[in-house]
Amino acid sequence: MDEQQPLKPPRSSTRDRIMEAATAVAHAVGPAHLSLDAVAEKAGVSKGGLLYHFPTKASLIKAIIERHLETVERSAGLAGDAAPSDGSSVALALMRSFCATPAAKPGGAQGFLAAMAETPELLEPIRDHNQRIVECLRKAREPEIALMTFLVVEGLRCLQIFDANPITEAETDRIFATLSAILAVAPAGDSPAVPESSSP
């Protein structure tokens, strides 16, 4: 009997490689200075191959943002057709997702958000994403607190994007713990985990 060959890990799709390359290039030069030629070289594809998947720079940036938003929605339990009926659990998931995500860097997916501000049509996926989140939060037992959580998380995220966040990790920990206690839906000891900080 022939020995079964071990399965090789699937190769990432060309589309995914291009998006990863674009993120890496943007990290080096900033999203505003991203060029398709540099992305194609980084991804190891021809310029024509890149344009087959992403005809314009705007379509590439939009795809990166949409993938990032899909990740956020999955972490909040919003993936698929059935949205959670408990907005409080979504609010808690938003805090956990924020804590689990490394601080935004200029070239990361979140860093593209600032670059998109000058292209209003590319902001549509973000508007739709925020609307879905808010609709779920309004179903919380304490909707005002759930919505406040959304504002806190998004405010901190924006401060990170512009490298202007004066709030320490310890302070973020205490803020999230307070919001979790008010929402009062998480089991004991299940408040969002925040990386340990040496800050007072």
Protein backbone atom coordinates (compact mmCIF):
# COMPACT_ATOMS: atom_id res chain seq x y z
CA MET A 1 0.00 0.00 0.00
CA ASP A 2 1.33 3.37 -0.93
CA GLU A 3 2.06 5.66 1.94
CA GLN A 4 -0.29 8.59 2.09
CA GLN A 5 1.52 11.82 1.42
CA PRO A 6 1.01 14.54 4.04
CA LEU A 7 -1.30 17.27 2.92
CA LYS A 8 0.44 20.49 2.04
CA PRO A 9 -0.95 23.65 3.60
CA PRO A 10 -3.07 25.54 1.08
CA ARG A 11 -1.31 28.41 -0.62
CA SER A 12 -2.78 31.80 -0.05
CA SER A 13 -4.76 33.08 -3.00
CA THR A 14 -3.23 35.65 -5.31
CA ARG A 15 -5.89 38.10 -4.18
CA ASP A 16 -4.92 37.62 -0.52
CA ARG A 17 -1.20 37.92 -1.34
CA ILE A 18 -1.83 41.21 -3.11
CA MET A 19 -3.77 42.59 -0.14
CA GLU A 20 -1.05 41.49 2.29
CA ALA A 21 1.59 43.07 0.05
CA ALA A 22 -0.39 46.31 -0.14
CA THR A 23 -0.60 46.43 3.64
CA ALA A 24 3.16 45.87 3.93
CA VAL A 25 3.98 48.54 1.35
CA ALA A 26 1.58 51.00 2.97
CA HIS A 27 3.23 50.36 6.33
CA ALA A 28 6.56 51.37 4.78
CA VAL A 29 5.48 54.44 2.83
CA GLY A 30 2.01 55.32 4.17
CA PRO A 31 -1.34 54.54 2.48
CA ALA A 32 -1.41 57.91 0.73
CA HIS A 33 1.80 57.01 -1.14
CA LEU A 34 0.81 53.45 -2.05
CA SER A 35 1.60 52.56 -5.67
CA LEU A 36 0.29 49.56 -7.60
CA ASP A 37 3.74 48.96 -9.12
CA ALA A 38 5.28 48.58 -5.66
CA VAL A 39 2.44 46.31 -4.54
CA ALA A 40 2.81 44.07 -7.61
CA GLU A 41 6.55 43.73 -7.00
CA LYS A 42 6.03 42.95 -3.31
CA ALA A 43 3.34 40.35 -4.08
CA GLY A 44 5.44 38.71 -6.79
CA VAL A 45 2.84 39.22 -9.51
CA SER A 46 2.81 41.14 -12.76
CA LYS A 47 1.15 44.53 -12.96
CA GLY A 48 -1.43 42.95 -15.26
CA GLY A 49 -2.06 40.19 -12.72
CA LEU A 50 -2.68 42.76 -10.02
CA LEU A 51 -5.02 44.77 -12.25
CA TYR A 52 -7.00 41.61 -13.01
CA HIS A 53 -7.96 41.39 -9.32
CA PHE A 54 -7.93 45.10 -8.51
CA PRO A 55 -8.43 47.39 -11.53
CA THR A 56 -7.75 50.51 -9.47
CA LYS A 57 -5.93 51.52 -6.32
CA ALA A 58 -9.29 52.48 -4.82
CA SER A 59 -10.68 48.96 -5.39
CA LEU A 60 -7.63 47.48 -3.64
CA ILE A 61 -7.98 49.75 -0.62
CA LYS A 62 -11.72 49.04 -0.45
CA ALA A 63 -11.07 45.27 -0.43
CA ILE A 64 -8.55 45.61 2.41
CA ILE A 65 -11.01 47.63 4.48
CA GLU A 66 -13.87 45.22 3.79
CA ARG A 67 -11.74 42.28 4.89
CA HIS A 68 -10.83 44.12 8.08
CA LEU A 69 -14.48 44.92 8.79
CA GLU A 70 -15.47 41.29 8.20
CA THR A 71 -12.92 40.24 10.82
CA VAL A 72 -14.37 42.73 13.31
CA GLU A 73 -17.91 41.50 12.63
CA ARG A 74 -16.92 37.85 13.07
CA SER A 75 -15.33 38.66 16.42
CA ALA A 76 -18.55 40.41 17.46
CA GLY A 77 -20.69 37.44 16.42
CA LEU A 78 -22.23 39.27 13.48
CA ALA A 79 -21.01 36.98 10.71
CA GLY A 80 -23.64 35.13 8.72
CA ASP A 81 -27.33 35.79 8.28
CA ALA A 82 -28.38 35.40 11.90
CA ALA A 83 -27.38 38.45 13.93
CA PRO A 84 -27.28 38.02 17.72
CA SER A 85 -30.37 39.23 19.54
CA ASP A 86 -28.34 40.32 22.59
CA GLY A 87 -26.74 43.69 21.94
CA SER A 88 -24.89 43.53 25.25
CA SER A 89 -22.86 40.53 24.09
CA VAL A 90 -21.94 42.46 20.94
CA ALA A 91 -20.74 45.39 23.07
CA LEU A 92 -18.56 43.06 25.13
CA ALA A 93 -17.22 41.43 21.97
CA LEU A 94 -16.25 44.84 20.58
CA MET A 95 -14.14 45.49 23.67
CA ARG A 96 -12.51 42.06 23.45
CA SER A 97 -11.77 42.58 19.76
CA PHE A 98 -10.18 45.96 20.47
CA CYS A 99 -7.99 44.47 23.20
CA ALA A 100 -6.94 41.56 20.96
CA THR A 101 -5.95 43.81 18.06
CA PRO A 102 -2.44 45.28 18.05
CA ALA A 103 -2.31 49.05 18.13
CA ALA A 104 -3.14 50.44 14.71
CA LYS A 105 -0.16 51.24 12.54
CA PRO A 106 -0.18 53.73 9.65
CA GLY A 107 0.09 50.93 7.09
CA GLY A 108 -2.27 48.46 8.74
CA ALA A 109 -5.85 47.89 7.64
CA GLN A 110 -7.04 50.47 10.15
CA GLY A 111 -4.45 52.90 8.86
CA PHE A 112 -6.20 52.89 5.50
CA LEU A 113 -9.28 54.39 7.16
CA ALA A 114 -7.57 57.75 7.51
CA ALA A 115 -6.44 57.69 3.88
CA MET A 116 -10.00 56.91 2.76
CA ALA A 117 -11.40 60.05 4.34
CA GLU A 118 -10.59 61.96 1.16
CA THR A 119 -12.53 59.45 -0.99
CA PRO A 120 -16.13 59.56 0.29
CA GLU A 121 -17.42 56.69 -1.89
CA LEU A 122 -14.93 54.32 -0.25
CA LEU A 123 -16.43 55.07 3.16
CA GLU A 124 -19.69 53.30 2.28
CA PRO A 125 -18.58 49.87 3.64
CA ILE A 126 -17.67 51.54 6.93
CA ARG A 127 -21.04 53.26 7.16
CA ASP A 128 -22.82 49.95 6.51
CA HIS A 129 -20.65 48.16 9.07
CA ASN A 130 -21.28 50.77 11.75
CA GLN A 131 -25.02 50.68 11.05
CA ARG A 132 -25.14 46.89 11.54
CA ILE A 133 -23.21 47.17 14.80
CA VAL A 134 -25.41 49.97 16.16
CA GLU A 135 -28.63 48.16 15.24
CA CYS A 136 -27.50 45.21 17.36
CA LEU A 137 -26.37 47.42 20.24
CA ARG A 138 -29.81 49.04 20.40
CA LYS A 139 -31.19 45.62 21.44
CA ALA A 140 -29.05 45.50 24.58
CA ARG A 141 -30.60 45.45 28.04
CA GLU A 142 -28.83 48.77 28.58
CA PRO A 143 -28.78 50.24 25.05
CA GLU A 144 -27.31 53.57 26.12
CA ILE A 145 -24.36 51.80 27.79
CA ALA A 146 -23.91 49.51 24.79
CA LEU A 147 -23.85 52.51 22.46
CA MET A 148 -21.46 54.29 24.82
CA THR A 149 -19.18 51.24 24.55
CA PHE A 150 -19.23 51.57 20.76
CA LEU A 151 -18.27 55.24 21.01
CA VAL A 152 -15.45 54.48 23.47
CA VAL A 153 -14.00 51.69 21.31
CA GLU A 154 -14.21 53.68 18.09
CA GLY A 155 -12.82 56.79 19.77
CA LEU A 156 -9.83 54.84 21.06
CA ARG A 157 -9.35 53.26 17.64
CA CYS A 158 -9.30 56.66 15.93
CA LEU A 159 -6.80 57.99 18.48
CA GLN A 160 -4.58 54.99 17.75
CA ILE A 161 -4.79 55.52 13.99
CA PHE A 162 -3.47 59.06 14.38
CA ASP A 163 -0.96 58.03 17.08
CA ALA A 164 -2.57 60.50 19.47
CA ASN A 165 -3.96 58.27 22.23
CA PRO A 166 -3.21 59.70 25.71
CA ILE A 167 -5.16 56.95 27.50
CA THR A 168 -2.96 54.30 29.12
CA GLU A 169 -3.65 50.58 28.84
CA ALA A 170 -4.36 50.49 32.59
CA GLU A 171 -6.96 53.24 32.19
CA THR A 172 -8.49 51.42 29.22
CA ASP A 173 -8.66 48.28 31.36
CA ARG A 174 -10.57 50.10 34.09
CA ILE A 175 -12.92 51.79 31.62
CA PHE A 176 -13.78 48.50 29.92
CA ALA A 177 -14.23 46.74 33.27
CA THR A 178 -16.68 49.46 34.35
CA LEU A 179 -18.66 49.20 31.12
CA SER A 180 -18.74 45.41 31.40
CA ALA A 181 -20.06 45.60 34.94
CA ILE A 182 -22.84 47.97 33.91
CA LEU A 183 -23.82 45.79 30.96
CA ALA A 184 -23.99 42.95 33.50
CA VAL A 185 -24.21 40.12 31.03
CA ALA A 186 -20.77 38.52 31.19
CA PRO A 187 -20.14 35.67 33.66
CA ALA A 188 -17.91 36.51 36.61
CA GLY A 189 -14.33 36.89 35.51
CA ASP A 190 -15.29 37.13 31.84
CA SER A 191 -14.71 40.83 31.33
CA PRO A 192 -12.62 41.77 28.30
CA ALA A 193 -8.98 40.94 28.74
CA VAL A 194 -6.64 43.87 28.28
CA PRO A 195 -2.87 43.39 27.93
CA GLU A 196 -1.07 44.01 31.20
CA SER A 197 0.37 47.48 31.50
CA SER A 198 3.03 48.90 33.72
CA SER A 199 1.27 52.25 33.60
CA PRO A 200 -0.06 53.49 36.97
